[in-house]
Full PDB file with SEQRES, HELIX, SHEET, SSBOND, CRYST1, ORIGX, SCALE, CONECT and MASTER records, all heavy atoms in Angstrom:
SEQRES   1 A   33  ALA GLY MET THR GLY PRO LYS THR PHE MET PRO THR ILE          
SEQRES   2 A   33  THR THR ALA GLU PRO LEU THR LEU ARG THR GLN ASP ASN          
SEQRES   3 A   33  GLN PRO LYS LEU ALA VAL THR                                  
HELIX    1 AA1 GLN A   24  ASN A   26  5                                   3    
CRYST1    1.000    1.000    1.000  90.00  90.00  90.00 P 1           1          
ORIGX1      1.000000  0.000000  0.000000        0.00000                         
ORIGX2      0.000000  1.000000  0.000000        0.00000                         
ORIGX3      0.000000  0.000000  1.000000        0.00000                         
SCALE1      1.000000  0.000000  0.000000        0.00000                         
SCALE2      0.000000  1.000000  0.000000        0.00000                         
SCALE3      0.000000  0.000000  1.000000        0.00000                         
ATOM      1  N   ALA A   1       2.563 -28.546   2.925  1.00  0.00           N  
ATOM      2  CA  ALA A   1       1.540 -28.958   3.876  1.00  0.00           C  
ATOM      3  C   ALA A   1       0.135 -28.682   3.451  1.00  0.00           C  
ATOM      4  O   ALA A   1      -0.842 -28.924   4.132  1.00  0.00           O  
ATOM      5  CB  ALA A   1       1.792 -28.227   5.222  1.00  0.00           C  
ATOM      6  N   GLY A   2       0.031 -28.049   2.188  1.00  0.00           N  
ATOM      7  CA  GLY A   2      -1.301 -27.711   1.696  1.00  0.00           C  
ATOM      8  C   GLY A   2      -1.915 -26.511   2.382  1.00  0.00           C  
ATOM      9  O   GLY A   2      -3.122 -26.363   2.310  1.00  0.00           O  
ATOM     10  N   MET A   3      -1.107 -25.649   3.039  1.00  0.00           N  
ATOM     11  CA  MET A   3      -1.660 -24.594   3.785  1.00  0.00           C  
ATOM     12  C   MET A   3      -2.013 -23.383   2.885  1.00  0.00           C  
ATOM     13  O   MET A   3      -2.632 -22.422   3.313  1.00  0.00           O  
ATOM     14  CB  MET A   3      -0.682 -24.149   4.903  1.00  0.00           C  
ATOM     15  CG  MET A   3      -0.467 -25.227   5.922  1.00  0.00           C  
ATOM     16  SD  MET A   3       0.886 -24.760   7.081  1.00  0.00           S  
ATOM     17  CE  MET A   3       0.164 -23.328   7.867  1.00  0.00           C  
ATOM     18  N   THR A   4      -1.526 -23.447   1.657  1.00  0.00           N  
ATOM     19  CA  THR A   4      -1.743 -22.291   0.792  1.00  0.00           C  
ATOM     20  C   THR A   4      -3.037 -22.401  -0.015  1.00  0.00           C  
ATOM     21  O   THR A   4      -3.349 -21.577  -0.820  1.00  0.00           O  
ATOM     22  CB  THR A   4      -0.554 -22.151  -0.184  1.00  0.00           C  
ATOM     23  OG1 THR A   4      -0.329 -23.374  -0.871  1.00  0.00           O  
ATOM     24  CG2 THR A   4       0.696 -21.753   0.519  1.00  0.00           C  
ATOM     25  N   GLY A   5      -3.771 -23.520   0.202  1.00  0.00           N  
ATOM     26  CA  GLY A   5      -5.077 -23.653  -0.503  1.00  0.00           C  
ATOM     27  C   GLY A   5      -4.921 -24.241  -1.849  1.00  0.00           C  
ATOM     28  O   GLY A   5      -3.854 -24.518  -2.353  1.00  0.00           O  
ATOM     29  N   PRO A   6      -6.048 -24.482  -2.531  1.00  0.00           N  
ATOM     30  CA  PRO A   6      -6.034 -25.124  -3.843  1.00  0.00           C  
ATOM     31  C   PRO A   6      -5.458 -24.180  -4.891  1.00  0.00           C  
ATOM     32  O   PRO A   6      -5.578 -22.943  -4.774  1.00  0.00           O  
ATOM     33  CB  PRO A   6      -7.530 -25.319  -4.106  1.00  0.00           C  
ATOM     34  CG  PRO A   6      -8.259 -24.398  -3.289  1.00  0.00           C  
ATOM     35  CD  PRO A   6      -7.429 -24.206  -2.061  1.00  0.00           C  
ATOM     36  N   LYS A   7      -4.766 -24.735  -5.860  1.00  0.00           N  
ATOM     37  CA  LYS A   7      -4.130 -23.950  -6.894  1.00  0.00           C  
ATOM     38  C   LYS A   7      -4.879 -23.972  -8.223  1.00  0.00           C  
ATOM     39  O   LYS A   7      -4.458 -23.453  -9.212  1.00  0.00           O  
ATOM     40  CB  LYS A   7      -2.695 -24.466  -7.113  1.00  0.00           C  
ATOM     41  CG  LYS A   7      -1.873 -24.330  -5.914  1.00  0.00           C  
ATOM     42  CD  LYS A   7      -0.403 -24.855  -6.166  1.00  0.00           C  
ATOM     43  CE  LYS A   7       0.458 -24.695  -4.916  1.00  0.00           C  
ATOM     44  NZ  LYS A   7       1.836 -25.169  -5.154  1.00  0.00           N  
ATOM     45  N   THR A   8      -6.062 -24.580  -8.197  1.00  0.00           N  
ATOM     46  CA  THR A   8      -6.815 -24.680  -9.461  1.00  0.00           C  
ATOM     47  C   THR A   8      -7.481 -23.346  -9.813  1.00  0.00           C  
ATOM     48  O   THR A   8      -7.697 -23.121 -10.988  1.00  0.00           O  
ATOM     49  CB  THR A   8      -7.918 -25.805  -9.309  1.00  0.00           C  
ATOM     50  OG1 THR A   8      -8.741 -25.465  -8.157  1.00  0.00           O  
ATOM     51  CG2 THR A   8      -7.275 -27.145  -9.069  1.00  0.00           C  
ATOM     52  N   PHE A   9      -7.761 -22.550  -8.847  1.00  0.00           N  
ATOM     53  CA  PHE A   9      -8.357 -21.248  -9.175  1.00  0.00           C  
ATOM     54  C   PHE A   9      -7.575 -20.100  -8.503  1.00  0.00           C  
ATOM     55  O   PHE A   9      -7.329 -20.113  -7.265  1.00  0.00           O  
ATOM     56  CB  PHE A   9      -9.763 -21.187  -8.620  1.00  0.00           C  
ATOM     57  CG  PHE A   9     -10.432 -19.844  -8.743  1.00  0.00           C  
ATOM     58  CD1 PHE A   9     -10.763 -19.330  -9.963  1.00  0.00           C  
ATOM     59  CD2 PHE A   9     -10.627 -19.074  -7.622  1.00  0.00           C  
ATOM     60  CE1 PHE A   9     -11.358 -18.090 -10.115  1.00  0.00           C  
ATOM     61  CE2 PHE A   9     -11.223 -17.811  -7.768  1.00  0.00           C  
ATOM     62  CZ  PHE A   9     -11.563 -17.281  -8.943  1.00  0.00           C  
ATOM     63  N   MET A  10      -7.104 -19.243  -9.316  1.00  0.00           N  
ATOM     64  CA  MET A  10      -6.254 -18.122  -8.831  1.00  0.00           C  
ATOM     65  C   MET A  10      -6.948 -16.834  -9.116  1.00  0.00           C  
ATOM     66  O   MET A  10      -6.950 -16.316 -10.238  1.00  0.00           O  
ATOM     67  CB  MET A  10      -4.861 -18.174  -9.513  1.00  0.00           C  
ATOM     68  CG  MET A  10      -4.041 -19.320  -9.181  1.00  0.00           C  
ATOM     69  SD  MET A  10      -3.487 -19.268  -7.490  1.00  0.00           S  
ATOM     70  CE  MET A  10      -2.414 -17.867  -7.460  1.00  0.00           C  
ATOM     71  N   PRO A  11      -7.624 -16.243  -8.139  1.00  0.00           N  
ATOM     72  CA  PRO A  11      -8.299 -15.006  -8.389  1.00  0.00           C  
ATOM     73  C   PRO A  11      -7.269 -13.866  -8.667  1.00  0.00           C  
ATOM     74  O   PRO A  11      -6.147 -13.880  -8.145  1.00  0.00           O  
ATOM     75  CB  PRO A  11      -9.010 -14.699  -7.058  1.00  0.00           C  
ATOM     76  CG  PRO A  11      -8.253 -15.510  -6.047  1.00  0.00           C  
ATOM     77  CD  PRO A  11      -7.735 -16.698  -6.725  1.00  0.00           C  
ATOM     78  N   THR A  12      -7.721 -12.877  -9.475  1.00  0.00           N  
ATOM     79  CA  THR A  12      -6.821 -11.784  -9.755  1.00  0.00           C  
ATOM     80  C   THR A  12      -6.670 -10.892  -8.502  1.00  0.00           C  
ATOM     81  O   THR A  12      -7.673 -10.552  -7.870  1.00  0.00           O  
ATOM     82  CB  THR A  12      -7.400 -10.941 -10.907  1.00  0.00           C  
ATOM     83  OG1 THR A  12      -7.456 -11.751 -12.085  1.00  0.00           O  
ATOM     84  CG2 THR A  12      -6.571  -9.694 -11.158  1.00  0.00           C  
ATOM     85  N   ILE A  13      -5.465 -10.551  -8.162  1.00  0.00           N  
ATOM     86  CA  ILE A  13      -5.229  -9.725  -7.021  1.00  0.00           C  
ATOM     87  C   ILE A  13      -4.504  -8.461  -7.452  1.00  0.00           C  
ATOM     88  O   ILE A  13      -3.423  -8.519  -8.017  1.00  0.00           O  
ATOM     89  CB  ILE A  13      -4.319 -10.451  -5.956  1.00  0.00           C  
ATOM     90  CG1 ILE A  13      -5.013 -11.708  -5.458  1.00  0.00           C  
ATOM     91  CG2 ILE A  13      -3.965  -9.545  -4.799  1.00  0.00           C  
ATOM     92  CD1 ILE A  13      -4.246 -12.535  -4.522  1.00  0.00           C  
ATOM     93  N   THR A  14      -5.078  -7.341  -7.220  1.00  0.00           N  
ATOM     94  CA  THR A  14      -4.479  -6.084  -7.563  1.00  0.00           C  
ATOM     95  C   THR A  14      -4.106  -5.366  -6.196  1.00  0.00           C  
ATOM     96  O   THR A  14      -4.852  -5.435  -5.241  1.00  0.00           O  
ATOM     97  CB  THR A  14      -5.445  -5.161  -8.312  1.00  0.00           C  
ATOM     98  OG1 THR A  14      -6.629  -4.930  -7.615  1.00  0.00           O  
ATOM     99  CG2 THR A  14      -5.767  -5.804  -9.658  1.00  0.00           C  
ATOM    100  N   THR A  15      -3.006  -4.713  -6.201  1.00  0.00           N  
ATOM    101  CA  THR A  15      -2.400  -4.188  -5.000  1.00  0.00           C  
ATOM    102  C   THR A  15      -2.171  -2.701  -5.198  1.00  0.00           C  
ATOM    103  O   THR A  15      -1.428  -2.318  -6.135  1.00  0.00           O  
ATOM    104  CB  THR A  15      -1.109  -4.859  -4.584  1.00  0.00           C  
ATOM    105  OG1 THR A  15      -1.369  -6.297  -4.608  1.00  0.00           O  
ATOM    106  CG2 THR A  15      -0.651  -4.414  -3.228  1.00  0.00           C  
ATOM    107  N   ALA A  16      -2.771  -1.854  -4.371  1.00  0.00           N  
ATOM    108  CA  ALA A  16      -2.554  -0.410  -4.451  1.00  0.00           C  
ATOM    109  C   ALA A  16      -1.312  -0.048  -3.725  1.00  0.00           C  
ATOM    110  O   ALA A  16      -1.034  -0.552  -2.605  1.00  0.00           O  
ATOM    111  CB  ALA A  16      -3.729   0.317  -3.917  1.00  0.00           C  
ATOM    112  N   GLU A  17      -0.480   0.820  -4.304  1.00  0.00           N  
ATOM    113  CA  GLU A  17       0.752   1.274  -3.613  1.00  0.00           C  
ATOM    114  C   GLU A  17       0.351   2.145  -2.444  1.00  0.00           C  
ATOM    115  O   GLU A  17      -0.665   2.848  -2.523  1.00  0.00           O  
ATOM    116  CB  GLU A  17       1.632   2.037  -4.591  1.00  0.00           C  
ATOM    117  CG  GLU A  17       2.213   1.228  -5.693  1.00  0.00           C  
ATOM    118  CD  GLU A  17       3.260   2.010  -6.497  1.00  0.00           C  
ATOM    119  OE1 GLU A  17       4.334   2.304  -6.008  1.00  0.00           O  
ATOM    120  OE2 GLU A  17       2.948   2.360  -7.671  1.00  0.00           O  
ATOM    121  N   PRO A  18       1.126   2.075  -1.347  1.00  0.00           N  
ATOM    122  CA  PRO A  18       0.750   2.893  -0.172  1.00  0.00           C  
ATOM    123  C   PRO A  18       0.808   4.335  -0.521  1.00  0.00           C  
ATOM    124  O   PRO A  18       1.659   4.846  -1.247  1.00  0.00           O  
ATOM    125  CB  PRO A  18       1.818   2.505   0.868  1.00  0.00           C  
ATOM    126  CG  PRO A  18       2.968   2.001   0.044  1.00  0.00           C  
ATOM    127  CD  PRO A  18       2.336   1.390  -1.178  1.00  0.00           C  
ATOM    128  N   LEU A  19      -0.090   5.102   0.084  1.00  0.00           N  
ATOM    129  CA  LEU A  19      -0.169   6.608  -0.124  1.00  0.00           C  
ATOM    130  C   LEU A  19      -0.511   7.247   1.179  1.00  0.00           C  
ATOM    131  O   LEU A  19      -1.438   6.886   1.849  1.00  0.00           O  
ATOM    132  CB  LEU A  19      -1.229   6.927  -1.185  1.00  0.00           C  
ATOM    133  CG  LEU A  19      -1.451   8.405  -1.486  1.00  0.00           C  
ATOM    134  CD1 LEU A  19      -0.173   9.011  -2.104  1.00  0.00           C  
ATOM    135  CD2 LEU A  19      -2.661   8.600  -2.390  1.00  0.00           C  
ATOM    136  N   THR A  20       0.288   8.249   1.513  1.00  0.00           N  
ATOM    137  CA  THR A  20       0.032   9.003   2.764  1.00  0.00           C  
ATOM    138  C   THR A  20      -0.485  10.391   2.296  1.00  0.00           C  
ATOM    139  O   THR A  20       0.133  11.056   1.580  1.00  0.00           O  
ATOM    140  CB  THR A  20       1.343   9.179   3.557  1.00  0.00           C  
ATOM    141  OG1 THR A  20       1.793   7.863   3.924  1.00  0.00           O  
ATOM    142  CG2 THR A  20       1.066   9.998   4.814  1.00  0.00           C  
ATOM    143  N   LEU A  21      -1.666  10.740   2.804  1.00  0.00           N  
ATOM    144  CA  LEU A  21      -2.279  12.046   2.521  1.00  0.00           C  
ATOM    145  C   LEU A  21      -2.141  12.945   3.661  1.00  0.00           C  
ATOM    146  O   LEU A  21      -2.382  12.552   4.846  1.00  0.00           O  
ATOM    147  CB  LEU A  21      -3.750  11.858   2.152  1.00  0.00           C  
ATOM    148  CG  LEU A  21      -4.015  10.973   0.897  1.00  0.00           C  
ATOM    149  CD1 LEU A  21      -5.531  10.846   0.712  1.00  0.00           C  
ATOM    150  CD2 LEU A  21      -3.398  11.544  -0.352  1.00  0.00           C  
ATOM    151  N   ARG A  22      -1.799  14.244   3.432  1.00  0.00           N  
ATOM    152  CA  ARG A  22      -1.690  15.204   4.472  1.00  0.00           C  
ATOM    153  C   ARG A  22      -2.391  16.445   4.029  1.00  0.00           C  
ATOM    154  O   ARG A  22      -2.296  16.830   2.843  1.00  0.00           O  
ATOM    155  CB  ARG A  22      -0.223  15.520   4.824  1.00  0.00           C  
ATOM    156  CG  ARG A  22       0.545  14.347   5.433  1.00  0.00           C  
ATOM    157  CD  ARG A  22       1.955  14.693   5.684  1.00  0.00           C  
ATOM    158  NE  ARG A  22       2.673  13.571   6.256  1.00  0.00           N  
ATOM    159  CZ  ARG A  22       2.851  13.411   7.542  1.00  0.00           C  
ATOM    160  NH1 ARG A  22       2.361  14.268   8.391  1.00  0.00           N  
ATOM    161  NH2 ARG A  22       3.537  12.375   7.966  1.00  0.00           N  
ATOM    162  N   THR A  23      -3.109  17.121   4.938  1.00  0.00           N  
ATOM    163  CA  THR A  23      -3.692  18.367   4.604  1.00  0.00           C  
ATOM    164  C   THR A  23      -2.702  19.477   4.586  1.00  0.00           C  
ATOM    165  O   THR A  23      -1.605  19.380   5.150  1.00  0.00           O  
ATOM    166  CB  THR A  23      -4.771  18.802   5.638  1.00  0.00           C  
ATOM    167  OG1 THR A  23      -4.149  18.853   6.953  1.00  0.00           O  
ATOM    168  CG2 THR A  23      -5.841  17.686   5.647  1.00  0.00           C  
ATOM    169  N   GLN A  24      -2.968  20.598   3.869  1.00  0.00           N  
ATOM    170  CA  GLN A  24      -1.976  21.624   3.703  1.00  0.00           C  
ATOM    171  C   GLN A  24      -1.508  22.253   4.996  1.00  0.00           C  
ATOM    172  O   GLN A  24      -0.365  22.590   5.181  1.00  0.00           O  
ATOM    173  CB  GLN A  24      -2.562  22.728   2.755  1.00  0.00           C  
ATOM    174  CG  GLN A  24      -1.598  23.852   2.417  1.00  0.00           C  
ATOM    175  CD  GLN A  24      -0.365  23.335   1.641  1.00  0.00           C  
ATOM    176  OE1 GLN A  24      -0.464  22.373   0.917  1.00  0.00           O  
ATOM    177  NE2 GLN A  24       0.807  23.973   1.869  1.00  0.00           N  
ATOM    178  N   ASP A  25      -2.522  22.467   5.946  1.00  0.00           N  
ATOM    179  CA  ASP A  25      -2.123  23.151   7.185  1.00  0.00           C  
ATOM    180  C   ASP A  25      -1.317  22.189   8.108  1.00  0.00           C  
ATOM    181  O   ASP A  25      -0.864  22.642   9.159  1.00  0.00           O  
ATOM    182  CB  ASP A  25      -3.333  23.657   7.913  1.00  0.00           C  
ATOM    183  CG  ASP A  25      -4.314  22.535   8.302  1.00  0.00           C  
ATOM    184  OD1 ASP A  25      -4.125  21.400   7.865  1.00  0.00           O  
ATOM    185  OD2 ASP A  25      -5.237  22.806   9.115  1.00  0.00           O  
ATOM    186  N   ASN A  26      -1.255  20.908   7.792  1.00  0.00           N  
ATOM    187  CA  ASN A  26      -0.519  19.978   8.629  1.00  0.00           C  
ATOM    188  C   ASN A  26       0.723  19.484   7.881  1.00  0.00           C  
ATOM    189  O   ASN A  26       1.295  18.415   8.229  1.00  0.00           O  
ATOM    190  CB  ASN A  26      -1.437  18.821   9.015  1.00  0.00           C  
ATOM    191  CG  ASN A  26      -0.832  18.030  10.183  1.00  0.00           C  
ATOM    192  OD1 ASN A  26      -0.140  18.585  11.017  1.00  0.00           O  
ATOM    193  ND2 ASN A  26      -1.077  16.741  10.209  1.00  0.00           N  
ATOM    194  N   GLN A  27       1.141  20.194   6.830  1.00  0.00           N  
ATOM    195  CA  GLN A  27       2.270  19.792   5.938  1.00  0.00           C  
ATOM    196  C   GLN A  27       3.566  20.087   6.651  1.00  0.00           C  
ATOM    197  O   GLN A  27       3.886  21.226   6.983  1.00  0.00           O  
ATOM    198  CB  GLN A  27       2.193  20.552   4.643  1.00  0.00           C  
ATOM    199  CG  GLN A  27       3.084  19.923   3.574  1.00  0.00           C  
ATOM    200  CD  GLN A  27       2.442  18.624   3.072  1.00  0.00           C  
ATOM    201  OE1 GLN A  27       1.273  18.579   2.687  1.00  0.00           O  
ATOM    202  NE2 GLN A  27       3.203  17.561   2.936  1.00  0.00           N  
ATOM    203  N   PRO A  28       4.393  19.017   6.951  1.00  0.00           N  
ATOM    204  CA  PRO A  28       5.694  19.288   7.590  1.00  0.00           C  
ATOM    205  C   PRO A  28       6.584  19.972   6.562  1.00  0.00           C  
ATOM    206  O   PRO A  28       6.440  19.824   5.329  1.00  0.00           O  
ATOM    207  CB  PRO A  28       6.198  17.907   7.929  1.00  0.00           C  
ATOM    208  CG  PRO A  28       5.488  16.983   7.015  1.00  0.00           C  
ATOM    209  CD  PRO A  28       4.115  17.593   6.756  1.00  0.00           C  
ATOM    210  N   LYS A  29       7.587  20.688   7.033  1.00  0.00           N  
ATOM    211  CA  LYS A  29       8.424  21.501   6.173  1.00  0.00           C  
ATOM    212  C   LYS A  29       9.887  21.273   6.550  1.00  0.00           C  
ATOM    213  O   LYS A  29      10.263  20.867   7.707  1.00  0.00           O  
ATOM    214  CB  LYS A  29       8.102  22.977   6.296  1.00  0.00           C  
ATOM    215  CG  LYS A  29       6.740  23.297   5.854  1.00  0.00           C  
ATOM    216  CD  LYS A  29       6.400  24.788   6.120  1.00  0.00           C  
ATOM    217  CE  LYS A  29       5.016  25.211   5.513  1.00  0.00           C  
ATOM    218  NZ  LYS A  29       3.947  24.377   6.101  1.00  0.00           N  
ATOM    219  N   LEU A  30      10.798  21.525   5.578  1.00  0.00           N  
ATOM    220  CA  LEU A  30      12.225  21.471   5.807  1.00  0.00           C  
ATOM    221  C   LEU A  30      12.848  22.803   5.461  1.00  0.00           C  
ATOM    222  O   LEU A  30      12.656  23.298   4.355  1.00  0.00           O  
ATOM    223  CB  LEU A  30      12.890  20.382   4.905  1.00  0.00           C  
ATOM    224  CG  LEU A  30      12.346  18.941   5.100  1.00  0.00           C  
ATOM    225  CD1 LEU A  30      13.028  18.006   4.102  1.00  0.00           C  
ATOM    226  CD2 LEU A  30      12.618  18.438   6.513  1.00  0.00           C  
ATOM    227  N   ALA A  31      13.473  23.414   6.449  1.00  0.00           N  
ATOM    228  CA  ALA A  31      14.189  24.659   6.186  1.00  0.00           C  
ATOM    229  C   ALA A  31      15.615  24.338   5.844  1.00  0.00           C  
ATOM    230  O   ALA A  31      16.314  23.856   6.733  1.00  0.00           O  
ATOM    231  CB  ALA A  31      14.037  25.541   7.411  1.00  0.00           C  
ATOM    232  N   VAL A  32      16.057  24.638   4.641  1.00  0.00           N  
ATOM    233  CA  VAL A  32      17.346  24.247   4.182  1.00  0.00           C  
ATOM    234  C   VAL A  32      18.264  25.447   4.093  1.00  0.00           C  
ATOM    235  O   VAL A  32      17.964  26.468   3.513  1.00  0.00           O  
ATOM    236  CB  VAL A  32      17.251  23.626   2.697  1.00  0.00           C  
ATOM    237  CG1 VAL A  32      18.653  23.258   2.189  1.00  0.00           C  
ATOM    238  CG2 VAL A  32      16.307  22.449   2.708  1.00  0.00           C  
ATOM    239  N   THR A  33      19.374  25.401   4.833  1.00  0.00           N  
ATOM    240  CA  THR A  33      20.382  26.423   4.890  1.00  0.00           C  
ATOM    241  C   THR A  33      21.613  26.020   4.114  1.00  0.00           C  
ATOM    242  O   THR A  33      22.345  25.010   4.531  1.00  0.00           O  
ATOM    243  CB  THR A  33      20.767  26.818   6.343  1.00  0.00           C  
ATOM    244  OG1 THR A  33      19.554  27.175   6.982  1.00  0.00           O  
ATOM    245  CG2 THR A  33      21.759  27.932   6.389  1.00  0.00           C  
TER     246      THR A  33                                                      
MASTER        0    0    0    1    0    0    0    6  245    1    0    3          
END                                                                             
């Protein structure tokens, strides 16, 4: 249907992997027995 736009120019697309940041005082923990 031509909904994807023209194919004559393809800009470079870089994708950053998702990253979740947490501060030390809010770091969840697992107590393993």
